[in-house]
Amino acid sequence: MRSFFFCLLLLLAWPLSEVAAQRPRVLTSEEEIVAALRSTDIPTIFLGVSGVIRIGPPEDWSPTLRSAILYALESEMRRDAEAARAGVYRFAEAGFTDGNLQGPLTDLAAVMQDPAAIPLLVLSTDPTERAALIDFGRQALPDLLRVAREGDFFALKGALIVLRQMVQARGLGYFTAQERAQMKSVAALYVSPGTPNGYKKVYAAQLLLVLEDAEGRGWVEAAAPGDKQLQDLLDGAPMLPLLGKPLSWHLARHREVYGHNWDQ
């Protein structure tokens, strides 16, 4: 996932020469932006994404605009999945006439701080999305636990990372005994005796260690012989990726980068 600010700055810089003569370069009304976000045409959706950052700070976005952002993101994720099944991978670098807008749309969903975005945010765990999910706290737990059990390669890995970072950020005392048991149960799928090796084992082991559960730590110790990554974790190596900046930082950065547009 590209960073939020790089993506949107790149989006705004792209000339859209192919569509400039057919539609307005700048959308200024919420009605136009919502319609663009609900379009199936990639350049039109691009105009909607560009328009969102001109309409005001995230806390002022209307329910209608928030719904349109989530609609556009869900549609883009579906297009990505359909393309991947056909063996086609969409990248923004290839040109925005059929580029991938999932990155900026996901970050718009993250900064709007709406619980309705959680099911989509758990499928993408760029630093901004991780920060948003940690900020949601236990509201995000059911979806994170579900994806940690059933998600695809990237989503599953991301969910395990966010669960571990949420424990680090919130502290064990934030969670109930039942919630800690649920997280332990998910991690056990990948670390307990008899489970296969792989990246899931490392991220699940990180989660077990921050839960400070004796049985869970025993599973990691039992799996560690011959696995340098697990042994390093037991020896106190940093858990990567490191816990990032809180959502408040990302919101402040969003305001710093795009706030000047709101006064125009």
Protein backbone atom coordinates (compact mmCIF):
# COMPACT_ATOMS: atom_id res chain seq x y z
CA MET A 1 0.00 0.00 0.00
CA ARG A 2 1.32 3.40 -0.89
CA SER A 3 1.46 6.11 1.73
CA PHE A 4 -1.58 8.33 1.93
CA PHE A 5 0.11 11.61 1.21
CA PHE A 6 2.25 10.37 -1.66
CA CYS A 7 -0.79 8.84 -3.31
CA LEU A 8 -2.97 11.92 -3.11
CA LEU A 9 -0.22 14.32 -4.11
CA LEU A 10 0.51 12.10 -7.10
CA LEU A 11 -3.16 11.94 -7.93
CA LEU A 12 -3.51 15.70 -7.84
CA ALA A 13 -0.42 16.17 -10.00
CA TRP A 14 -1.55 13.83 -12.77
CA PRO A 15 -2.91 15.88 -15.69
CA LEU A 16 -5.80 13.61 -16.75
CA SER A 17 -5.33 14.89 -20.30
CA GLU A 18 -7.54 12.16 -21.73
CA VAL A 19 -10.61 13.32 -19.83
CA ALA A 20 -9.94 17.03 -19.35
CA ALA A 21 -12.05 18.00 -22.35
CA GLN A 22 -14.96 15.82 -21.31
CA ARG A 23 -15.54 16.68 -17.64
CA PRO A 24 -14.62 19.42 -15.14
CA ARG A 25 -11.09 19.36 -13.77
CA VAL A 26 -12.27 20.28 -10.26
CA LEU A 27 -15.40 19.16 -8.44
CA THR A 28 -16.49 21.65 -5.80
CA SER A 29 -19.94 20.59 -4.61
CA GLU A 30 -20.62 17.61 -2.38
CA GLU A 31 -23.30 16.38 -4.79
CA GLU A 32 -20.77 16.23 -7.65
CA ILE A 33 -18.14 14.53 -5.49
CA VAL A 34 -20.56 11.90 -4.20
CA ALA A 35 -21.74 11.14 -7.75
CA ALA A 36 -18.12 10.80 -8.91
CA LEU A 37 -17.24 8.43 -6.06
CA ARG A 38 -20.21 6.23 -6.96
CA SER A 39 -19.16 6.05 -10.61
CA THR A 40 -17.67 2.96 -12.27
CA ASP A 41 -15.30 5.08 -14.37
CA ILE A 42 -11.79 5.28 -12.88
CA PRO A 43 -10.95 8.86 -14.00
CA THR A 44 -14.30 10.03 -12.64
CA ILE A 45 -13.65 8.33 -9.29
CA PHE A 46 -10.26 10.04 -9.32
CA LEU A 47 -12.00 13.41 -9.59
CA GLY A 48 -14.14 12.45 -6.61
CA VAL A 49 -11.10 11.51 -4.53
CA SER A 50 -9.47 14.83 -5.45
CA GLY A 51 -12.65 16.67 -4.53
CA VAL A 52 -12.95 15.11 -1.07
CA ILE A 53 -9.81 16.82 0.20
CA ARG A 54 -11.20 20.20 -0.87
CA ILE A 55 -14.52 19.83 0.89
CA GLY A 56 -13.29 20.35 4.45
CA PRO A 57 -11.73 18.47 7.38
CA PRO A 58 -12.82 14.86 7.93
CA GLU A 59 -14.93 15.73 10.96
CA ASP A 60 -17.12 17.90 8.70
CA TRP A 61 -17.79 15.22 6.08
CA SER A 62 -21.48 14.42 5.85
CA PRO A 63 -22.92 10.90 6.25
CA THR A 64 -23.67 10.92 2.53
CA LEU A 65 -20.05 11.70 1.64
CA ARG A 66 -18.74 9.11 4.11
CA SER A 67 -21.01 6.48 2.61
CA ALA A 68 -19.80 7.35 -0.89
CA ILE A 69 -16.14 6.99 0.15
CA LEU A 70 -16.84 3.53 1.56
CA TYR A 71 -18.83 2.58 -1.52
CA ALA A 72 -15.94 3.62 -3.77
CA LEU A 73 -13.42 1.75 -1.62
CA GLU A 74 -15.47 -1.46 -1.54
CA SER A 75 -15.97 -1.27 -5.31
CA GLU A 76 -12.25 -0.73 -5.87
CA MET A 77 -11.37 -3.69 -3.66
CA ARG A 78 -13.79 -5.82 -5.65
CA ARG A 79 -12.22 -4.68 -8.94
CA ASP A 80 -8.77 -5.53 -7.57
CA ALA A 81 -9.92 -9.00 -6.50
CA GLU A 82 -11.58 -9.70 -9.85
CA ALA A 83 -8.49 -8.52 -11.73
CA ALA A 84 -6.19 -10.63 -9.54
CA ARG A 85 -8.28 -13.73 -10.19
CA ALA A 86 -7.77 -13.05 -13.90
CA GLY A 87 -4.02 -12.71 -13.37
CA VAL A 88 -4.01 -8.92 -13.78
CA TYR A 89 -2.53 -6.64 -11.11
CA ARG A 90 -3.50 -2.99 -11.19
CA PHE A 91 -0.91 -0.42 -10.21
CA ALA A 92 -1.21 3.34 -10.05
CA GLU A 93 2.15 3.69 -11.78
CA ALA A 94 0.60 2.26 -14.93
CA GLY A 95 -1.55 5.37 -15.34
CA PHE A 96 -4.76 6.45 -13.68
CA THR A 97 -6.97 5.77 -16.70
CA ASP A 98 -7.09 2.24 -15.25
CA GLY A 99 -5.02 2.77 -12.13
CA ASN A 100 -5.51 1.53 -8.62
CA LEU A 101 -7.24 4.02 -6.33
CA GLN A 102 -7.49 1.67 -3.36
CA GLY A 103 -4.62 3.37 -1.48
CA PRO A 104 -6.03 6.91 -1.31
CA LEU A 105 -9.59 5.68 -0.83
CA THR A 106 -8.52 3.52 2.11
CA ASP A 107 -6.75 6.43 3.72
CA LEU A 108 -9.78 8.67 3.29
CA ALA A 109 -11.78 5.94 5.05
CA ALA A 110 -9.21 5.86 7.86
CA VAL A 111 -9.11 9.58 8.60
CA MET A 112 -12.89 9.97 8.69
CA GLN A 113 -12.99 7.96 11.96
CA ASP A 114 -16.29 6.23 11.20
CA PRO A 115 -16.84 2.72 12.67
CA ALA A 116 -18.64 1.81 9.44
CA ALA A 117 -15.21 1.77 7.80
CA ILE A 118 -13.81 -0.97 10.07
CA PRO A 119 -14.72 -4.00 7.90
CA LEU A 120 -12.85 -2.45 4.97
CA LEU A 121 -9.93 -1.06 6.97
CA VAL A 122 -9.07 -4.49 8.37
CA LEU A 123 -8.32 -5.61 4.82
CA SER A 124 -5.58 -3.00 4.41
CA THR A 125 -3.05 -2.21 7.12
CA ASP A 126 -0.89 0.66 5.96
CA PRO A 127 0.33 2.77 8.95
CA THR A 128 -2.68 5.13 8.72
CA GLU A 129 -5.11 2.23 8.70
CA ARG A 130 -3.34 0.49 11.58
CA ALA A 131 -3.50 3.70 13.60
CA ALA A 132 -7.23 4.05 12.88
CA LEU A 133 -7.99 0.47 13.91
CA ILE A 134 -5.97 0.83 17.12
CA ASP A 135 -7.92 4.02 17.84
CA PHE A 136 -11.21 2.14 17.39
CA GLY A 137 -10.01 -0.37 20.00
CA ARG A 138 -12.43 -3.15 20.88
CA GLN A 139 -14.91 -1.93 18.27
CA ALA A 140 -12.48 -3.35 15.69
CA LEU A 141 -11.80 -6.64 17.48
CA PRO A 142 -14.56 -8.80 15.91
CA ASP A 143 -13.49 -7.94 12.37
CA LEU A 144 -9.78 -8.24 13.17
CA LEU A 145 -10.29 -11.66 14.75
CA ARG A 146 -12.40 -12.82 11.81
CA VAL A 147 -9.81 -11.74 9.24
CA ALA A 148 -6.99 -13.22 11.33
CA ARG A 149 -8.77 -16.57 11.02
CA GLU A 150 -10.12 -16.42 7.49
CA GLY A 151 -8.38 -13.66 5.55
CA ASP A 152 -6.16 -14.01 2.52
CA PHE A 153 -2.35 -13.78 2.66
CA PHE A 154 -2.00 -10.03 3.15
CA ALA A 155 -5.17 -9.39 5.16
CA LEU A 156 -4.45 -12.20 7.62
CA LYS A 157 -0.90 -11.01 8.19
CA GLY A 158 -2.12 -7.44 8.66
CA ALA A 159 -4.80 -8.45 11.16
CA LEU A 160 -2.26 -10.30 13.31
CA ILE A 161 0.02 -7.25 13.23
CA VAL A 162 -2.77 -4.87 14.23
CA LEU A 163 -3.92 -7.13 17.07
CA ARG A 164 -0.37 -7.21 18.47
CA GLN A 165 0.08 -3.46 18.07
CA MET A 166 -3.30 -2.79 19.66
CA VAL A 167 -2.20 -4.71 22.76
CA GLN A 168 1.07 -2.77 22.81
CA ALA A 169 -0.69 0.58 22.43
CA ARG A 170 -3.67 -0.05 24.70
CA GLY A 171 -2.06 -2.25 27.35
CA LEU A 172 -3.27 -5.62 28.59
CA GLY A 173 -5.54 -4.00 31.17
CA TYR A 174 -7.69 -2.48 28.42
CA PHE A 175 -8.91 -5.93 27.31
CA THR A 176 -11.23 -8.27 29.15
CA ALA A 177 -10.16 -11.82 29.95
CA GLN A 178 -12.51 -13.04 27.21
CA GLU A 179 -10.98 -10.71 24.63
CA ARG A 180 -7.46 -11.82 25.54
CA ALA A 181 -8.57 -15.44 25.26
CA GLN A 182 -10.01 -14.78 21.80
CA MET A 183 -6.72 -13.27 20.61
CA LYS A 184 -4.79 -16.18 22.10
CA SER A 185 -7.10 -18.63 20.34
CA VAL A 186 -6.47 -17.00 16.96
CA ALA A 187 -2.69 -16.97 17.48
CA ALA A 188 -2.81 -20.62 18.49
CA LEU A 189 -3.99 -21.52 14.99
CA TYR A 190 -0.49 -20.72 13.71
CA VAL A 191 1.89 -21.35 16.62
CA SER A 192 0.64 -24.27 18.70
CA PRO A 193 2.30 -27.68 18.17
CA GLY A 194 1.66 -29.22 14.78
CA THR A 195 0.94 -25.97 12.91
CA PRO A 196 2.98 -25.30 9.75
CA ASN A 197 5.90 -22.89 9.61
CA GLY A 198 5.66 -19.59 7.76
CA TYR A 199 5.12 -15.88 8.15
CA LYS A 200 1.87 -16.47 10.09
CA LYS A 201 3.79 -18.24 12.83
CA VAL A 202 6.07 -15.23 13.39
CA TYR A 203 3.25 -12.67 13.62
CA ALA A 204 1.12 -14.98 15.75
CA ALA A 205 4.09 -15.53 18.06
CA GLN A 206 4.45 -11.76 18.47
CA LEU A 207 0.81 -11.57 19.53
CA LEU A 208 1.21 -14.39 22.05
CA LEU A 209 4.27 -12.78 23.61
CA VAL A 210 2.62 -9.39 24.16
CA LEU A 211 -0.40 -11.16 25.69
CA GLU A 212 2.00 -12.37 28.41
CA ASP A 213 0.25 -15.73 28.57
CA ALA A 214 2.39 -18.56 30.02
CA GLU A 215 0.85 -21.26 27.86
CA GLY A 216 1.16 -19.13 24.74
CA ARG A 217 4.79 -18.34 25.47
CA GLY A 218 5.35 -22.07 25.91
CA TRP A 219 4.02 -22.65 22.40
CA VAL A 220 6.48 -20.11 21.03
CA GLU A 221 9.35 -21.73 22.95
CA ALA A 222 8.36 -25.16 21.64
CA ALA A 223 8.31 -23.87 18.06
CA ALA A 224 11.54 -21.85 18.34
CA PRO A 225 14.22 -24.55 17.88
CA GLY A 226 15.47 -24.20 14.33
CA ASP A 227 13.52 -20.98 13.80
CA LYS A 228 15.80 -17.97 14.20
CA GLN A 229 13.01 -15.41 14.01
CA LEU A 230 11.11 -17.00 16.88
CA GLN A 231 14.25 -17.40 18.95
CA ASP A 232 15.14 -13.74 18.36
CA LEU A 233 11.68 -12.73 19.59
CA LEU A 234 12.15 -14.79 22.75
CA ASP A 235 15.52 -13.10 23.24
CA GLY A 236 13.89 -9.67 23.14
CA ALA A 237 14.35 -8.61 19.50
CA PRO A 238 12.10 -5.72 18.36
CA MET A 239 8.76 -6.81 16.97
CA LEU A 240 8.56 -5.64 13.38
CA PRO A 241 6.83 -3.66 12.07
CA LEU A 242 7.23 -1.32 15.01
CA LEU A 243 4.22 0.34 16.56
CA GLY A 244 3.68 3.49 14.49
CA LYS A 245 2.40 6.96 15.18
CA PRO A 246 -1.09 7.36 16.70
CA LEU A 247 -4.09 8.39 14.63
CA SER A 248 -3.92 11.91 16.06
CA TRP A 249 -0.60 12.38 14.27
CA HIS A 250 -2.04 11.21 10.95
CA LEU A 251 -5.04 13.50 11.35
CA ALA A 252 -2.77 16.46 12.10
CA ARG A 253 -0.67 15.62 9.05
CA HIS A 254 -3.80 15.40 6.89
CA ARG A 255 -4.83 18.86 8.08
CA GLU A 256 -1.33 20.25 7.51
CA VAL A 257 -1.08 18.94 3.95
CA TYR A 258 -4.60 19.63 2.75
CA GLY A 259 -6.01 22.28 5.07
CA HIS A 260 -5.14 25.11 2.69
CA ASN A 261 -7.61 23.67 0.18
CA TRP A 262 -10.51 24.14 2.59
CA ASP A 263 -10.20 27.92 2.57
CA GLN A 264 -10.34 28.28 -1.20
